[in-house]
Amino acid sequence: MALKKAHQSPAIKARAIQGLYALTPDGVETEELLRRVRLALQGGVQVLQYRNKTADAMLRLQQARALRELTREFGVTFIVNDDAQLAAAADADGVHLGASDGDIATARALLGHDKLIGVSCYNQLTLAHSAVQAGVDYVAFGAFYASTVKTDAAVATLDLLRKARAEIQLPIVAIGGISADNGAALVQAGADALAVISAVFDVADIQLAANNLAKLFR
């Protein structure tokens, strides 16, 4: 009889969310997406989130499964944005939920306790505390700086990040307009991971950009 897989310990799950956390850009053909992501992984990305707001369901599944294999090659944590069912279908390491992406309990029931669930808490510490009580594995705050991806994003502050660090034991992700020039302040304020899109994927040298950001954690 097969042995039941043991749950991951909180410490192991916490280590899965740290360092440079890259989110994939929208509207990129699969082969080009994989090329760009490979360069980012070579540069030091430790967490990759598949985020595609424009593709249909079939393409999203194809891309998610391809990225799952690529992240396994590099030993990198793989998260799917918004969609717990897609995360399950692609055997991702977890899902990241926004305010309108379904509830935590439903995602946990679908994915099980071995998978990671992260939530966007924007600039609201109360949301983070509620999420912790609901059993998430990490929380994200932002935007800390002006973002070209979400121009109307709520503004989070370094003071909020420091307070969250003092009150929350789970990994904390900072997002929004982050670059190698401004990311150090977020790490110093308590961010375990820096989530970026443009600073890695909208540049000429993806590997170098990822490396410069990854250095903030060394």
C-alpha atoms as a PDB file:
ATOM      1  CA  MET A   1       0.000   0.000   0.000  1.00  0.00           C
ATOM      2  CA  ALA A   2       1.357   3.428  -0.911  1.00  0.00           C
ATOM      3  CA  LEU A   3       2.431   5.638   1.934  1.00  0.00           C
ATOM      4  CA  LYS A   4       0.634   8.929   2.341  1.00  0.00           C
ATOM      5  CA  LYS A   5       2.882  11.880   1.566  1.00  0.00           C
ATOM      6  CA  ALA A   6       3.829  13.835   4.677  1.00  0.00           C
ATOM      7  CA  HIS A   7       2.813  17.475   4.841  1.00  0.00           C
ATOM      8  CA  GLN A   8       5.547  20.020   4.308  1.00  0.00           C
ATOM      9  CA  SER A   9       6.646  21.654   7.540  1.00  0.00           C
ATOM     10  CA  PRO A  10       5.958  25.399   7.942  1.00  0.00           C
ATOM     11  CA  ALA A  11       9.724  26.031   7.809  1.00  0.00           C
ATOM     12  CA  ILE A  12      10.109  24.243   4.470  1.00  0.00           C
ATOM     13  CA  LYS A  13       7.126  26.077   2.997  1.00  0.00           C
ATOM     14  CA  ALA A  14       8.446  29.417   4.265  1.00  0.00           C
ATOM     15  CA  ARG A  15      11.797  28.880   2.570  1.00  0.00           C
ATOM     16  CA  ALA A  16       9.944  28.358  -0.709  1.00  0.00           C
ATOM     17  CA  ILE A  17       9.002  32.068  -0.782  1.00  0.00           C
ATOM     18  CA  GLN A  18      12.138  34.142  -0.601  1.00  0.00           C
ATOM     19  CA  GLY A  19      14.437  36.142  -2.819  1.00  0.00           C
ATOM     20  CA  LEU A  20      13.609  37.410  -6.290  1.00  0.00           C
ATOM     21  CA  TYR A  21       9.979  36.587  -7.171  1.00  0.00           C
ATOM     22  CA  ALA A  22       9.333  37.138 -10.894  1.00  0.00           C
ATOM     23  CA  LEU A  23       5.895  37.386 -12.490  1.00  0.00           C
ATOM     24  CA  THR A  24       5.565  36.512 -16.162  1.00  0.00           C
ATOM     25  CA  PRO A  25       4.520  39.201 -18.674  1.00  0.00           C
ATOM     26  CA  ASP A  26       1.201  39.048 -20.541  1.00  0.00           C
ATOM     27  CA  GLY A  27       0.735  38.326 -24.222  1.00  0.00           C
ATOM     28  CA  VAL A  28       3.951  36.442 -24.963  1.00  0.00           C
ATOM     29  CA  GLU A  29       4.035  33.438 -27.306  1.00  0.00           C
ATOM     30  CA  THR A  30       5.003  30.257 -25.462  1.00  0.00           C
ATOM     31  CA  GLU A  31       8.438  29.700 -27.005  1.00  0.00           C
ATOM     32  CA  GLU A  32       9.431  33.316 -26.369  1.00  0.00           C
ATOM     33  CA  LEU A  33       8.003  33.173 -22.848  1.00  0.00           C
ATOM     34  CA  LEU A  34      10.112  30.121 -22.037  1.00  0.00           C
ATOM     35  CA  ARG A  35      13.204  31.788 -23.488  1.00  0.00           C
ATOM     36  CA  ARG A  36      12.732  34.864 -21.343  1.00  0.00           C
ATOM     37  CA  VAL A  37      11.937  32.906 -18.205  1.00  0.00           C
ATOM     38  CA  ARG A  38      14.999  30.695 -18.643  1.00  0.00           C
ATOM     39  CA  LEU A  39      17.187  33.800 -18.744  1.00  0.00           C
ATOM     40  CA  ALA A  40      15.516  35.121 -15.602  1.00  0.00           C
ATOM     41  CA  LEU A  41      16.044  31.812 -13.811  1.00  0.00           C
ATOM     42  CA  GLN A  42      19.686  31.823 -14.855  1.00  0.00           C
ATOM     43  CA  GLY A  43      19.919  35.299 -13.335  1.00  0.00           C
ATOM     44  CA  GLY A  44      18.759  34.150  -9.916  1.00  0.00           C
ATOM     45  CA  VAL A  45      14.954  34.123  -9.741  1.00  0.00           C
ATOM     46  CA  GLN A  46      13.873  31.980  -6.780  1.00  0.00           C
ATOM     47  CA  VAL A  47      10.093  32.114  -7.263  1.00  0.00           C
ATOM     48  CA  LEU A  48       8.217  32.299 -10.556  1.00  0.00           C
ATOM     49  CA  GLN A  49       4.559  33.231 -10.804  1.00  0.00           C
ATOM     50  CA  TYR A  50       2.670  32.502 -14.018  1.00  0.00           C
ATOM     51  CA  ARG A  51       0.439  35.494 -14.675  1.00  0.00           C
ATOM     52  CA  ASN A  52      -1.406  35.793 -17.973  1.00  0.00           C
ATOM     53  CA  LYS A  53      -4.540  37.935 -18.139  1.00  0.00           C
ATOM     54  CA  THR A  54      -5.057  37.656 -21.898  1.00  0.00           C
ATOM     55  CA  ALA A  55      -4.636  33.988 -22.925  1.00  0.00           C
ATOM     56  CA  ASP A  56      -7.468  31.487 -23.262  1.00  0.00           C
ATOM     57  CA  ALA A  57      -7.774  28.480 -20.939  1.00  0.00           C
ATOM     58  CA  MET A  58      -6.026  26.040 -23.269  1.00  0.00           C
ATOM     59  CA  LEU A  59      -2.996  28.278 -23.786  1.00  0.00           C
ATOM     60  CA  ARG A  60      -2.799  29.062 -20.075  1.00  0.00           C
ATOM     61  CA  LEU A  61      -2.676  25.353 -19.261  1.00  0.00           C
ATOM     62  CA  GLN A  62      -0.053  24.718 -21.940  1.00  0.00           C
ATOM     63  CA  GLN A  63       2.137  27.557 -20.719  1.00  0.00           C
ATOM     64  CA  ALA A  64       1.694  26.720 -17.047  1.00  0.00           C
ATOM     65  CA  ARG A  65       2.730  23.102 -17.600  1.00  0.00           C
ATOM     66  CA  ALA A  66       5.753  24.156 -19.649  1.00  0.00           C
ATOM     67  CA  LEU A  67       6.821  26.609 -16.963  1.00  0.00           C
ATOM     68  CA  ARG A  68       6.303  23.928 -14.314  1.00  0.00           C
ATOM     69  CA  GLU A  69       8.876  21.755 -16.071  1.00  0.00           C
ATOM     70  CA  LEU A  70      11.300  24.651 -16.508  1.00  0.00           C
ATOM     71  CA  THR A  71      11.102  25.678 -12.868  1.00  0.00           C
ATOM     72  CA  ARG A  72      11.703  22.077 -11.812  1.00  0.00           C
ATOM     73  CA  GLU A  73      14.869  22.102 -13.885  1.00  0.00           C
ATOM     74  CA  PHE A  74      16.132  25.044 -11.813  1.00  0.00           C
ATOM     75  CA  GLY A  75      14.665  23.952  -8.480  1.00  0.00           C
ATOM     76  CA  VAL A  76      12.540  27.107  -8.319  1.00  0.00           C
ATOM     77  CA  THR A  77       9.158  27.543  -6.622  1.00  0.00           C
ATOM     78  CA  PHE A  78       6.335  27.821  -9.167  1.00  0.00           C
ATOM     79  CA  ILE A  79       3.136  29.741  -8.350  1.00  0.00           C
ATOM     80  CA  VAL A  80       0.050  30.307 -10.526  1.00  0.00           C
ATOM     81  CA  ASN A  81      -1.754  33.641 -10.321  1.00  0.00           C
ATOM     82  CA  ASP A  82      -5.482  33.810  -9.575  1.00  0.00           C
ATOM     83  CA  ASP A  83      -6.519  30.294 -10.558  1.00  0.00           C
ATOM     84  CA  ALA A  84      -6.333  27.418  -8.052  1.00  0.00           C
ATOM     85  CA  GLN A  85      -7.738  24.957 -10.580  1.00  0.00           C
ATOM     86  CA  LEU A  86      -4.994  25.818 -13.058  1.00  0.00           C
ATOM     87  CA  ALA A  87      -2.410  25.514 -10.286  1.00  0.00           C
ATOM     88  CA  ALA A  88      -3.691  22.018  -9.544  1.00  0.00           C
ATOM     89  CA  ALA A  89      -3.786  20.999 -13.214  1.00  0.00           C
ATOM     90  CA  ALA A  90      -0.199  22.167 -13.758  1.00  0.00           C
ATOM     91  CA  ASP A  91       1.030  20.655 -10.461  1.00  0.00           C
ATOM     92  CA  ALA A  92       2.294  24.076  -9.429  1.00  0.00           C
ATOM     93  CA  ASP A  93       3.731  24.614  -5.959  1.00  0.00           C
ATOM     94  CA  GLY A  94       0.855  26.917  -5.143  1.00  0.00           C
ATOM     95  CA  VAL A  95      -1.490  29.737  -6.076  1.00  0.00           C
ATOM     96  CA  HIS A  96      -1.571  33.484  -5.458  1.00  0.00           C
ATOM     97  CA  LEU A  97      -4.980  35.022  -4.847  1.00  0.00           C
ATOM     98  CA  GLY A  98      -6.103  38.611  -5.225  1.00  0.00           C
ATOM     99  CA  ALA A  99      -9.164  40.198  -3.667  1.00  0.00           C
ATOM    100  CA  SER A 100     -11.527  38.779  -6.312  1.00  0.00           C
ATOM    101  CA  ASP A 101      -9.877  35.426  -7.038  1.00  0.00           C
ATOM    102  CA  GLY A 102     -11.852  33.133  -4.749  1.00  0.00           C
ATOM    103  CA  ASP A 103     -11.571  32.331  -1.090  1.00  0.00           C
ATOM    104  CA  ILE A 104      -8.663  30.746   0.732  1.00  0.00           C
ATOM    105  CA  ALA A 105     -10.649  27.797   2.086  1.00  0.00           C
ATOM    106  CA  THR A 106     -11.753  26.725  -1.399  1.00  0.00           C
ATOM    107  CA  ALA A 107      -8.202  26.941  -2.730  1.00  0.00           C
ATOM    108  CA  ARG A 108      -6.898  24.941   0.231  1.00  0.00           C
ATOM    109  CA  ALA A 109      -9.531  22.249  -0.235  1.00  0.00           C
ATOM    110  CA  LEU A 110      -8.553  21.928  -3.884  1.00  0.00           C
ATOM    111  CA  LEU A 111      -4.760  22.073  -3.499  1.00  0.00           C
ATOM    112  CA  GLY A 112      -4.237  20.405  -0.135  1.00  0.00           C
ATOM    113  CA  HIS A 113      -1.912  21.355   2.688  1.00  0.00           C
ATOM    114  CA  ASP A 114       1.323  20.610   0.835  1.00  0.00           C
ATOM    115  CA  LYS A 115       0.773  23.489  -1.578  1.00  0.00           C
ATOM    116  CA  LEU A 116       1.399  27.186  -1.010  1.00  0.00           C
ATOM    117  CA  ILE A 117      -1.311  29.844  -0.911  1.00  0.00           C
ATOM    118  CA  GLY A 118      -0.376  33.507  -1.036  1.00  0.00           C
ATOM    119  CA  VAL A 119      -2.665  36.508  -0.969  1.00  0.00           C
ATOM    120  CA  SER A 120      -2.482  40.144  -2.014  1.00  0.00           C
ATOM    121  CA  CYS A 121      -3.098  42.434   0.954  1.00  0.00           C
ATOM    122  CA  TYR A 122      -2.408  45.696  -0.899  1.00  0.00           C
ATOM    123  CA  ASN A 123      -1.856  48.318   1.821  1.00  0.00           C
ATOM    124  CA  GLN A 124      -4.125  46.751   4.444  1.00  0.00           C
ATOM    125  CA  LEU A 125      -2.552  45.043   7.435  1.00  0.00           C
ATOM    126  CA  THR A 126      -5.964  43.850   8.583  1.00  0.00           C
ATOM    127  CA  LEU A 127      -6.312  41.816   5.383  1.00  0.00           C
ATOM    128  CA  ALA A 128      -2.984  40.170   6.116  1.00  0.00           C
ATOM    129  CA  HIS A 129      -3.991  39.211   9.645  1.00  0.00           C
ATOM    130  CA  SER A 130      -7.264  37.763   8.360  1.00  0.00           C
ATOM    131  CA  ALA A 131      -5.370  35.797   5.719  1.00  0.00           C
ATOM    132  CA  VAL A 132      -2.972  34.418   8.311  1.00  0.00           C
ATOM    133  CA  GLN A 133      -5.926  33.271  10.402  1.00  0.00           C
ATOM    134  CA  ALA A 134      -7.384  31.604   7.298  1.00  0.00           C
ATOM    135  CA  GLY A 135      -4.214  29.566   6.831  1.00  0.00           C
ATOM    136  CA  VAL A 136      -2.234  31.183   4.023  1.00  0.00           C
ATOM    137  CA  ASP A 137       1.485  30.565   3.593  1.00  0.00           C
ATOM    138  CA  TYR A 138       2.594  34.072   2.635  1.00  0.00           C
ATOM    139  CA  VAL A 139       1.222  37.585   2.222  1.00  0.00           C
ATOM    140  CA  ALA A 140       2.021  40.320  -0.294  1.00  0.00           C
ATOM    141  CA  PHE A 141       1.846  44.095   0.055  1.00  0.00           C
ATOM    142  CA  GLY A 142       2.092  46.841  -2.561  1.00  0.00           C
ATOM    143  CA  ALA A 143       2.421  48.827  -4.692  1.00  0.00           C
ATOM    144  CA  PHE A 144       5.387  50.388  -2.924  1.00  0.00           C
ATOM    145  CA  TYR A 145       6.460  52.411  -5.962  1.00  0.00           C
ATOM    146  CA  ALA A 146       4.744  53.586  -9.136  1.00  0.00           C
ATOM    147  CA  SER A 147       3.860  50.557 -11.245  1.00  0.00           C
ATOM    148  CA  THR A 148       3.596  50.449 -15.024  1.00  0.00           C
ATOM    149  CA  VAL A 149       1.539  47.231 -14.799  1.00  0.00           C
ATOM    150  CA  LYS A 150      -1.075  48.471 -12.308  1.00  0.00           C
ATOM    151  CA  THR A 151      -1.148  52.233 -12.576  1.00  0.00           C
ATOM    152  CA  ASP A 152      -4.070  52.542 -10.129  1.00  0.00           C
ATOM    153  CA  ALA A 153      -2.648  50.219  -7.476  1.00  0.00           C
ATOM    154  CA  ALA A 154      -3.048  51.088  -3.805  1.00  0.00           C
ATOM    155  CA  VAL A 155       0.055  52.681  -2.308  1.00  0.00           C
ATOM    156  CA  ALA A 156       1.883  50.815   0.454  1.00  0.00           C
ATOM    157  CA  THR A 157       4.588  52.350   2.628  1.00  0.00           C
ATOM    158  CA  LEU A 158       7.796  51.229   4.269  1.00  0.00           C
ATOM    159  CA  ASP A 159       6.188  51.867   7.641  1.00  0.00           C
ATOM    160  CA  LEU A 160       3.425  49.406   6.772  1.00  0.00           C
ATOM    161  CA  LEU A 161       6.031  46.838   5.765  1.00  0.00           C
ATOM    162  CA  ARG A 162       7.957  47.298   9.020  1.00  0.00           C
ATOM    163  CA  LYS A 163       4.781  46.905  11.053  1.00  0.00           C
ATOM    164  CA  ALA A 164       3.795  43.802   9.103  1.00  0.00           C
ATOM    165  CA  ARG A 165       7.235  42.328   9.705  1.00  0.00           C
ATOM    166  CA  ALA A 166       6.877  42.908  13.455  1.00  0.00           C
ATOM    167  CA  GLU A 167       3.428  41.310  13.604  1.00  0.00           C
ATOM    168  CA  ILE A 168       3.470  38.537  10.986  1.00  0.00           C
ATOM    169  CA  GLN A 169       5.735  35.500  11.077  1.00  0.00           C
ATOM    170  CA  LEU A 170       4.952  34.275   7.543  1.00  0.00           C
ATOM    171  CA  PRO A 171       7.005  35.295   4.485  1.00  0.00           C
ATOM    172  CA  ILE A 172       6.189  38.791   3.232  1.00  0.00           C
ATOM    173  CA  VAL A 173       6.369  39.721  -0.448  1.00  0.00           C
ATOM    174  CA  ALA A 174       6.711  43.325  -1.638  1.00  0.00           C
ATOM    175  CA  ILE A 175       5.452  44.298  -5.092  1.00  0.00           C
ATOM    176  CA  GLY A 176       4.959  47.359  -7.269  1.00  0.00           C
ATOM    177  CA  GLY A 177       7.497  49.325  -9.286  1.00  0.00           C
ATOM    178  CA  ILE A 178      10.442  47.546  -7.692  1.00  0.00           C
ATOM    179  CA  SER A 179      13.914  47.778  -9.230  1.00  0.00           C
ATOM    180  CA  ALA A 180      17.503  47.069  -8.236  1.00  0.00           C
ATOM    181  CA  ASP A 181      17.763  50.747  -7.260  1.00  0.00           C
ATOM    182  CA  ASN A 182      14.851  50.863  -4.813  1.00  0.00           C
ATOM    183  CA  GLY A 183      14.515  47.241  -3.691  1.00  0.00           C
ATOM    184  CA  ALA A 184      17.156  47.326  -0.947  1.00  0.00           C
ATOM    185  CA  ALA A 185      14.980  49.535   1.263  1.00  0.00           C
ATOM    186  CA  LEU A 186      12.187  46.963   1.087  1.00  0.00           C
ATOM    187  CA  VAL A 187      14.492  44.107   2.045  1.00  0.00           C
ATOM    188  CA  GLN A 188      15.816  46.143   4.957  1.00  0.00           C
ATOM    189  CA  ALA A 189      12.250  46.890   6.068  1.00  0.00           C
ATOM    190  CA  GLY A 190      11.456  43.185   6.237  1.00  0.00           C
ATOM    191  CA  ALA A 191      10.462  41.864   2.814  1.00  0.00           C
ATOM    192  CA  ASP A 192      11.408  38.220   2.320  1.00  0.00           C
ATOM    193  CA  ALA A 193      10.816  38.453  -1.425  1.00  0.00           C
ATOM    194  CA  LEU A 194      10.589  41.154  -4.082  1.00  0.00           C
ATOM    195  CA  ALA A 195       7.993  40.581  -6.790  1.00  0.00           C
ATOM    196  CA  VAL A 196       8.762  42.125 -10.169  1.00  0.00           C
ATOM    197  CA  ILE A 197       7.622  42.027 -13.776  1.00  0.00           C
ATOM    198  CA  SER A 198       8.938  44.992 -15.737  1.00  0.00           C
ATOM    199  CA  ALA A 199      12.312  45.248 -13.999  1.00  0.00           C
ATOM    200  CA  VAL A 200      13.167  41.743 -15.198  1.00  0.00           C
ATOM    201  CA  PHE A 201      11.229  41.162 -18.406  1.00  0.00           C
ATOM    202  CA  ASP A 202      11.022  44.639 -19.991  1.00  0.00           C
ATOM    203  CA  VAL A 203      14.787  45.072 -20.348  1.00  0.00           C
ATOM    204  CA  ALA A 204      17.397  44.189 -22.947  1.00  0.00           C
ATOM    205  CA  ASP A 205      19.432  41.883 -20.673  1.00  0.00           C
ATOM    206  CA  ILE A 206      16.999  39.792 -18.633  1.00  0.00           C
ATOM    207  CA  GLN A 207      19.648  37.638 -16.977  1.00  0.00           C
ATOM    208  CA  LEU A 208      21.672  40.627 -15.829  1.00  0.00           C
ATOM    209  CA  ALA A 209      18.596  42.440 -14.519  1.00  0.00           C
ATOM    210  CA  ALA A 210      17.543  39.374 -12.531  1.00  0.00           C
ATOM    211  CA  ASN A 211      21.057  38.988 -11.159  1.00  0.00           C
ATOM    212  CA  ASN A 212      21.175  42.598 -10.004  1.00  0.00           C
ATOM    213  CA  LEU A 213      17.902  42.158  -8.124  1.00  0.00           C
ATOM    214  CA  ALA A 214      18.901  38.789  -6.691  1.00  0.00           C
ATOM    215  CA  LYS A 215      22.058  40.393  -5.273  1.00  0.00           C
ATOM    216  CA  LEU A 216      19.879  42.392  -2.869  1.00  0.00           C
ATOM    217  CA  PHE A 217      19.375  39.196  -0.878  1.00  0.00           C
ATOM    218  CA  ARG A 218      23.026  38.140  -0.705  1.00  0.00           C
END
